[in-house]
Amino acid sequence: MKFNGDTYKFDMMSHIWTKLPCQGEPVTERDFHTATAVNNLIFVFGGRNQCQWSKVEVTGYKPDGRRSHCAVHYGNSVIYFGGYNALSKQHFGDLFILNTESLHITRLQPFGDAPCPRRRVGCALIGSDFIICGGTSPIEHVRDGKKQQILHDHNDMYILHLVPSLEQLCTINILKSRTDIKLLPLFLQERVTSVARLLQERDPSVG
């Protein structure tokens, strides 16, 4: 198997591919990686090659090496989700963001029912909404009375609102100020109680 480390650009008007004459230390040849353009820079993360995994020298959260993940450009950052490591045979469901100016990675842990770990997932950024769709991950299957893991292609879709809504901000403020929720309408009481429960599950010290 031969990998390629060339970089090309595609002109949307002329429909012509052009090979770019890149300088500096070359990126190790690989496939199944992501390459995200941010201003005049391209951030390459993960993938596989014949000799080694490559790691970005960053601070903060340290993601495991992976391939078949997804990435989108958001502001001055890149958001990553999912992927697969063939050495550990592990699928990932972590979500993290790289600040391309400080080169600091932060793991995001949103509320709600998160998508299961997966690879080969489609993703898009529309406004401030991060959307993922589909992907592949193993599920348990019983055949001839024996349990085995088979790859399953998902048809689900998830949306992560990167900018909190007014309702979410109000809910957080109510929890911080310890307002008596009995003074609120019933639907808001249910919402605040649900968020409080999620917070306590994540951190039992939260009362």
C-alpha atoms as a PDB file:
ATOM      1  CA  MET A   1       0.000   0.000   0.000  1.00  0.00           C
ATOM      2  CA  LYS A   2       1.398   3.408  -0.985  1.00  0.00           C
ATOM      3  CA  PHE A   3       0.356   6.682   0.629  1.00  0.00           C
ATOM      4  CA  ASN A   4       0.635  10.157  -0.824  1.00  0.00           C
ATOM      5  CA  GLY A   5       1.670  13.400   0.841  1.00  0.00           C
ATOM      6  CA  ASP A   6       0.936  15.812  -2.004  1.00  0.00           C
ATOM      7  CA  THR A   7      -1.287  18.860  -1.489  1.00  0.00           C
ATOM      8  CA  TYR A   8      -3.676  20.114  -4.147  1.00  0.00           C
ATOM      9  CA  LYS A   9      -6.172  22.947  -4.442  1.00  0.00           C
ATOM     10  CA  PHE A  10      -9.381  22.904  -6.492  1.00  0.00           C
ATOM     11  CA  ASP A  11     -10.598  26.020  -8.289  1.00  0.00           C
ATOM     12  CA  MET A  12     -14.396  26.130  -7.932  1.00  0.00           C
ATOM     13  CA  MET A  13     -14.757  28.388 -10.999  1.00  0.00           C
ATOM     14  CA  SER A  14     -12.485  26.645 -13.504  1.00  0.00           C
ATOM     15  CA  HIS A  15     -12.873  23.126 -12.022  1.00  0.00           C
ATOM     16  CA  ILE A  16      -9.105  22.633 -12.233  1.00  0.00           C
ATOM     17  CA  TRP A  17      -6.872  20.865  -9.693  1.00  0.00           C
ATOM     18  CA  THR A  18      -3.435  22.430  -9.031  1.00  0.00           C
ATOM     19  CA  LYS A  19      -0.585  20.869  -7.052  1.00  0.00           C
ATOM     20  CA  LEU A  20       0.722  23.267  -4.384  1.00  0.00           C
ATOM     21  CA  PRO A  21       4.522  23.745  -3.988  1.00  0.00           C
ATOM     22  CA  CYS A  22       4.642  23.426  -0.175  1.00  0.00           C
ATOM     23  CA  GLN A  23       7.772  24.361   1.763  1.00  0.00           C
ATOM     24  CA  GLY A  24       9.034  23.521   5.247  1.00  0.00           C
ATOM     25  CA  GLU A  25       8.888  20.167   7.047  1.00  0.00           C
ATOM     26  CA  PRO A  26       6.639  17.872   4.978  1.00  0.00           C
ATOM     27  CA  VAL A  27       3.635  16.094   6.478  1.00  0.00           C
ATOM     28  CA  THR A  28       4.053  12.319   6.725  1.00  0.00           C
ATOM     29  CA  GLU A  29       2.148  10.538   3.944  1.00  0.00           C
ATOM     30  CA  ARG A  30      -1.206   9.234   5.227  1.00  0.00           C
ATOM     31  CA  ASP A  31      -4.892   8.597   4.589  1.00  0.00           C
ATOM     32  CA  PHE A  32      -8.183   8.810   6.540  1.00  0.00           C
ATOM     33  CA  HIS A  33      -7.007  12.083   8.154  1.00  0.00           C
ATOM     34  CA  THR A  34      -8.647  15.492   8.235  1.00  0.00           C
ATOM     35  CA  ALA A  35      -7.169  18.679   6.764  1.00  0.00           C
ATOM     36  CA  THR A  36      -9.008  21.834   7.835  1.00  0.00           C
ATOM     37  CA  ALA A  37      -8.311  25.269   6.359  1.00  0.00           C
ATOM     38  CA  VAL A  38      -8.289  28.161   8.839  1.00  0.00           C
ATOM     39  CA  ASN A  39      -7.421  31.515   7.258  1.00  0.00           C
ATOM     40  CA  ASN A  40      -4.078  30.914   5.494  1.00  0.00           C
ATOM     41  CA  LEU A  41      -3.204  27.743   7.443  1.00  0.00           C
ATOM     42  CA  ILE A  42      -4.159  24.058   7.033  1.00  0.00           C
ATOM     43  CA  PHE A  43      -4.369  21.917  10.191  1.00  0.00           C
ATOM     44  CA  VAL A  44      -3.785  18.192   9.566  1.00  0.00           C
ATOM     45  CA  PHE A  45      -4.851  15.780  12.300  1.00  0.00           C
ATOM     46  CA  GLY A  46      -4.710  11.997  12.642  1.00  0.00           C
ATOM     47  CA  GLY A  47      -4.882   9.480   9.821  1.00  0.00           C
ATOM     48  CA  ARG A  48      -2.836   6.366   9.213  1.00  0.00           C
ATOM     49  CA  ASN A  49       0.422   5.582   7.441  1.00  0.00           C
ATOM     50  CA  GLN A  50       2.874   2.735   7.183  1.00  0.00           C
ATOM     51  CA  CYS A  51       5.257   3.766   9.919  1.00  0.00           C
ATOM     52  CA  GLN A  52       3.838   5.898  12.714  1.00  0.00           C
ATOM     53  CA  TRP A  53       1.041   8.047  14.145  1.00  0.00           C
ATOM     54  CA  SER A  54       1.676  11.770  14.067  1.00  0.00           C
ATOM     55  CA  LYS A  55       0.713  14.002  16.988  1.00  0.00           C
ATOM     56  CA  VAL A  56       0.178  17.762  16.999  1.00  0.00           C
ATOM     57  CA  GLU A  57       2.264  19.562  19.623  1.00  0.00           C
ATOM     58  CA  VAL A  58      -0.499  21.208  21.642  1.00  0.00           C
ATOM     59  CA  THR A  59      -1.485  21.893  25.233  1.00  0.00           C
ATOM     60  CA  GLY A  60      -4.608  20.810  27.070  1.00  0.00           C
ATOM     61  CA  TYR A  61      -6.616  17.711  26.212  1.00  0.00           C
ATOM     62  CA  LYS A  62      -4.553  14.972  24.532  1.00  0.00           C
ATOM     63  CA  PRO A  63      -6.674  13.005  22.040  1.00  0.00           C
ATOM     64  CA  ASP A  64      -5.569   9.493  21.083  1.00  0.00           C
ATOM     65  CA  GLY A  65      -4.268   8.880  17.578  1.00  0.00           C
ATOM     66  CA  ARG A  66      -7.104   8.099  15.187  1.00  0.00           C
ATOM     67  CA  ARG A  67      -8.421   8.020  11.635  1.00  0.00           C
ATOM     68  CA  SER A  68     -11.809   8.297   9.945  1.00  0.00           C
ATOM     69  CA  HIS A  69     -12.875  11.134  12.269  1.00  0.00           C
ATOM     70  CA  CYS A  70     -14.496  14.402  11.201  1.00  0.00           C
ATOM     71  CA  ALA A  71     -13.520  18.053  11.573  1.00  0.00           C
ATOM     72  CA  VAL A  72     -15.016  21.475  10.864  1.00  0.00           C
ATOM     73  CA  HIS A  73     -13.645  25.012  10.919  1.00  0.00           C
ATOM     74  CA  TYR A  74     -15.375  27.231  13.526  1.00  0.00           C
ATOM     75  CA  GLY A  75     -14.129  30.795  14.030  1.00  0.00           C
ATOM     76  CA  ASN A  76     -10.430  30.559  14.862  1.00  0.00           C
ATOM     77  CA  SER A  77     -10.842  26.938  15.942  1.00  0.00           C
ATOM     78  CA  VAL A  78     -11.281  23.427  14.587  1.00  0.00           C
ATOM     79  CA  ILE A  79     -13.858  21.045  16.097  1.00  0.00           C
ATOM     80  CA  TYR A  80     -13.167  17.299  15.957  1.00  0.00           C
ATOM     81  CA  PHE A  81     -15.426  14.333  16.637  1.00  0.00           C
ATOM     82  CA  GLY A  82     -15.131  10.554  16.664  1.00  0.00           C
ATOM     83  CA  GLY A  83     -12.707   8.341  14.793  1.00  0.00           C
ATOM     84  CA  TYR A  84     -11.052   4.947  15.108  1.00  0.00           C
ATOM     85  CA  ASN A  85      -7.678   3.594  16.249  1.00  0.00           C
ATOM     86  CA  ALA A  86      -6.799   0.331  14.501  1.00  0.00           C
ATOM     87  CA  LEU A  87      -4.025  -0.529  16.990  1.00  0.00           C
ATOM     88  CA  SER A  88      -6.351  -0.492  20.021  1.00  0.00           C
ATOM     89  CA  LYS A  89      -9.443  -1.367  17.915  1.00  0.00           C
ATOM     90  CA  GLN A  90     -11.231   1.501  19.653  1.00  0.00           C
ATOM     91  CA  HIS A  91     -13.960   3.764  18.296  1.00  0.00           C
ATOM     92  CA  PHE A  92     -14.081   7.285  19.755  1.00  0.00           C
ATOM     93  CA  GLY A  93     -17.004   9.502  20.697  1.00  0.00           C
ATOM     94  CA  ASP A  94     -15.067  12.396  22.181  1.00  0.00           C
ATOM     95  CA  LEU A  95     -15.646  15.942  21.003  1.00  0.00           C
ATOM     96  CA  PHE A  96     -12.849  18.488  21.264  1.00  0.00           C
ATOM     97  CA  ILE A  97     -11.890  21.884  19.917  1.00  0.00           C
ATOM     98  CA  LEU A  98      -8.469  23.172  18.881  1.00  0.00           C
ATOM     99  CA  ASN A  99      -7.766  26.883  19.201  1.00  0.00           C
ATOM    100  CA  THR A 100      -5.553  27.489  16.166  1.00  0.00           C
ATOM    101  CA  GLU A 101      -3.977  30.592  17.681  1.00  0.00           C
ATOM    102  CA  SER A 102      -3.002  29.270  21.119  1.00  0.00           C
ATOM    103  CA  LEU A 103      -2.724  25.621  19.957  1.00  0.00           C
ATOM    104  CA  HIS A 104      -4.709  24.592  23.030  1.00  0.00           C
ATOM    105  CA  ILE A 105      -7.184  21.700  22.880  1.00  0.00           C
ATOM    106  CA  THR A 106     -10.291  21.632  25.078  1.00  0.00           C
ATOM    107  CA  ARG A 107     -12.575  18.629  25.384  1.00  0.00           C
ATOM    108  CA  LEU A 108     -16.252  19.557  25.105  1.00  0.00           C
ATOM    109  CA  GLN A 109     -18.837  17.722  27.201  1.00  0.00           C
ATOM    110  CA  PRO A 110     -22.262  18.998  26.147  1.00  0.00           C
ATOM    111  CA  PHE A 111     -25.557  18.138  27.830  1.00  0.00           C
ATOM    112  CA  GLY A 112     -28.056  15.746  26.293  1.00  0.00           C
ATOM    113  CA  ASP A 113     -27.854  12.300  24.723  1.00  0.00           C
ATOM    114  CA  ALA A 114     -24.537  12.201  22.895  1.00  0.00           C
ATOM    115  CA  PRO A 115     -23.958  10.117  19.765  1.00  0.00           C
ATOM    116  CA  CYS A 116     -22.273   6.779  20.372  1.00  0.00           C
ATOM    117  CA  PRO A 117     -18.583   6.365  19.475  1.00  0.00           C
ATOM    118  CA  ARG A 118     -18.179   6.011  15.710  1.00  0.00           C
ATOM    119  CA  ARG A 119     -16.023   6.580  12.641  1.00  0.00           C
ATOM    120  CA  ARG A 120     -16.656   7.639   9.034  1.00  0.00           C
ATOM    121  CA  VAL A 121     -19.230  10.157  10.220  1.00  0.00           C
ATOM    122  CA  GLY A 122     -20.463  13.009   8.053  1.00  0.00           C
ATOM    123  CA  CYS A 123     -20.379  16.475   9.600  1.00  0.00           C
ATOM    124  CA  ALA A 124     -21.172  20.071   8.720  1.00  0.00           C
ATOM    125  CA  LEU A 125     -21.240  23.477  10.376  1.00  0.00           C
ATOM    126  CA  ILE A 126     -24.247  25.682   9.628  1.00  0.00           C
ATOM    127  CA  GLY A 127     -24.020  28.986  11.462  1.00  0.00           C
ATOM    128  CA  SER A 128     -23.229  27.970  15.037  1.00  0.00           C
ATOM    129  CA  ASP A 129     -24.797  24.506  14.753  1.00  0.00           C
ATOM    130  CA  PHE A 130     -22.454  21.498  14.507  1.00  0.00           C
ATOM    131  CA  ILE A 131     -24.269  18.658  12.748  1.00  0.00           C
ATOM    132  CA  ILE A 132     -23.188  15.022  12.427  1.00  0.00           C
ATOM    133  CA  CYS A 133     -24.933  12.289  10.485  1.00  0.00           C
ATOM    134  CA  GLY A 134     -24.401   8.549  10.123  1.00  0.00           C
ATOM    135  CA  GLY A 135     -21.102   6.816  10.671  1.00  0.00           C
ATOM    136  CA  THR A 136     -20.015   3.293  11.526  1.00  0.00           C
ATOM    137  CA  SER A 137     -19.467   1.518  14.857  1.00  0.00           C
ATOM    138  CA  PRO A 138     -19.627  -2.048  16.176  1.00  0.00           C
ATOM    139  CA  ILE A 139     -22.777  -3.535  17.702  1.00  0.00           C
ATOM    140  CA  GLU A 140     -23.308  -6.867  19.432  1.00  0.00           C
ATOM    141  CA  HIS A 141     -24.887  -9.507  17.212  1.00  0.00           C
ATOM    142  CA  VAL A 142     -25.941 -13.056  18.115  1.00  0.00           C
ATOM    143  CA  ARG A 143     -25.337 -15.676  15.437  1.00  0.00           C
ATOM    144  CA  ASP A 144     -25.688 -19.417  15.961  1.00  0.00           C
ATOM    145  CA  GLY A 145     -26.037 -18.737  19.669  1.00  0.00           C
ATOM    146  CA  LYS A 146     -22.705 -16.879  19.821  1.00  0.00           C
ATOM    147  CA  LYS A 147     -22.184 -13.176  20.508  1.00  0.00           C
ATOM    148  CA  GLN A 148     -20.008 -11.277  18.076  1.00  0.00           C
ATOM    149  CA  GLN A 149     -19.251  -7.692  17.123  1.00  0.00           C
ATOM    150  CA  ILE A 150     -20.287  -6.527  13.653  1.00  0.00           C
ATOM    151  CA  LEU A 151     -19.963  -3.090  12.079  1.00  0.00           C
ATOM    152  CA  HIS A 152     -23.221  -1.172  11.898  1.00  0.00           C
ATOM    153  CA  ASP A 153     -23.918   1.826   9.659  1.00  0.00           C
ATOM    154  CA  HIS A 154     -25.939   4.473  11.531  1.00  0.00           C
ATOM    155  CA  ASN A 155     -28.721   6.553   9.998  1.00  0.00           C
ATOM    156  CA  ASP A 156     -29.120   8.981  12.908  1.00  0.00           C
ATOM    157  CA  MET A 157     -28.435  12.710  13.087  1.00  0.00           C
ATOM    158  CA  TYR A 158     -27.334  14.974  15.945  1.00  0.00           C
ATOM    159  CA  ILE A 159     -27.145  18.757  16.263  1.00  0.00           C
ATOM    160  CA  LEU A 160     -24.945  20.570  18.786  1.00  0.00           C
ATOM    161  CA  HIS A 161     -25.780  24.247  19.351  1.00  0.00           C
ATOM    162  CA  LEU A 162     -22.399  25.878  19.960  1.00  0.00           C
ATOM    163  CA  VAL A 163     -23.992  29.162  21.035  1.00  0.00           C
ATOM    164  CA  PRO A 164     -26.386  28.719  24.015  1.00  0.00           C
ATOM    165  CA  SER A 165     -29.980  29.822  23.604  1.00  0.00           C
ATOM    166  CA  LEU A 166     -31.632  32.411  25.857  1.00  0.00           C
ATOM    167  CA  GLU A 167     -33.519  29.591  27.584  1.00  0.00           C
ATOM    168  CA  GLN A 168     -30.265  27.729  28.299  1.00  0.00           C
ATOM    169  CA  LEU A 169     -28.592  30.858  29.676  1.00  0.00           C
ATOM    170  CA  CYS A 170     -31.604  31.562  31.921  1.00  0.00           C
ATOM    171  CA  THR A 171     -31.593  27.960  33.160  1.00  0.00           C
ATOM    172  CA  ILE A 172     -27.912  28.161  34.094  1.00  0.00           C
ATOM    173  CA  ASN A 173     -28.477  31.498  35.865  1.00  0.00           C
ATOM    174  CA  ILE A 174     -31.401  30.039  37.853  1.00  0.00           C
ATOM    175  CA  LEU A 175     -29.228  27.135  39.011  1.00  0.00           C
ATOM    176  CA  LYS A 176     -26.331  29.431  39.966  1.00  0.00           C
ATOM    177  CA  SER A 177     -28.564  31.827  41.896  1.00  0.00           C
ATOM    178  CA  ARG A 178     -30.420  28.907  43.554  1.00  0.00           C
ATOM    179  CA  THR A 179     -33.771  30.497  42.729  1.00  0.00           C
ATOM    180  CA  ASP A 180     -36.813  28.660  44.103  1.00  0.00           C
ATOM    181  CA  ILE A 181     -38.057  26.917  40.922  1.00  0.00           C
ATOM    182  CA  LYS A 182     -41.546  26.541  42.426  1.00  0.00           C
ATOM    183  CA  LEU A 183     -42.064  30.173  41.403  1.00  0.00           C
ATOM    184  CA  LEU A 184     -41.548  29.216  37.747  1.00  0.00           C
ATOM    185  CA  PRO A 185     -44.061  27.832  35.216  1.00  0.00           C
ATOM    186  CA  LEU A 186     -44.288  24.040  35.209  1.00  0.00           C
ATOM    187  CA  PHE A 187     -42.473  23.542  31.888  1.00  0.00           C
ATOM    188  CA  LEU A 188     -39.533  25.626  33.159  1.00  0.00           C
ATOM    189  CA  GLN A 189     -39.462  23.668  36.407  1.00  0.00           C
ATOM    190  CA  GLU A 190     -39.104  20.468  34.375  1.00  0.00           C
ATOM    191  CA  ARG A 191     -36.346  22.000  32.247  1.00  0.00           C
ATOM    192  CA  VAL A 192     -34.332  23.253  35.235  1.00  0.00           C
ATOM    193  CA  THR A 193     -34.748  19.934  37.061  1.00  0.00           C
ATOM    194  CA  SER A 194     -33.517  18.046  33.990  1.00  0.00           C
ATOM    195  CA  VAL A 195     -30.399  20.217  33.623  1.00  0.00           C
ATOM    196  CA  ALA A 196     -29.683  19.986  37.365  1.00  0.00           C
ATOM    197  CA  ARG A 197     -29.877  16.197  37.158  1.00  0.00           C
ATOM    198  CA  LEU A 198     -27.394  16.110  34.272  1.00  0.00           C
ATOM    199  CA  LEU A 199     -25.007  18.383  36.181  1.00  0.00           C
ATOM    200  CA  GLN A 200     -25.160  16.162  39.252  1.00  0.00           C
ATOM    201  CA  GLU A 201     -24.543  13.015  37.196  1.00  0.00           C
ATOM    202  CA  ARG A 202     -21.417  14.632  35.758  1.00  0.00           C
ATOM    203  CA  ASP A 203     -20.256  16.058  39.096  1.00  0.00           C
ATOM    204  CA  PRO A 204     -21.869  14.553  42.261  1.00  0.00           C
ATOM    205  CA  SER A 205     -20.547  17.499  44.292  1.00  0.00           C
ATOM    206  CA  VAL A 206     -23.031  19.778  42.526  1.00  0.00           C
ATOM    207  CA  GLY A 207     -26.017  20.183  44.794  1.00  0.00           C
END
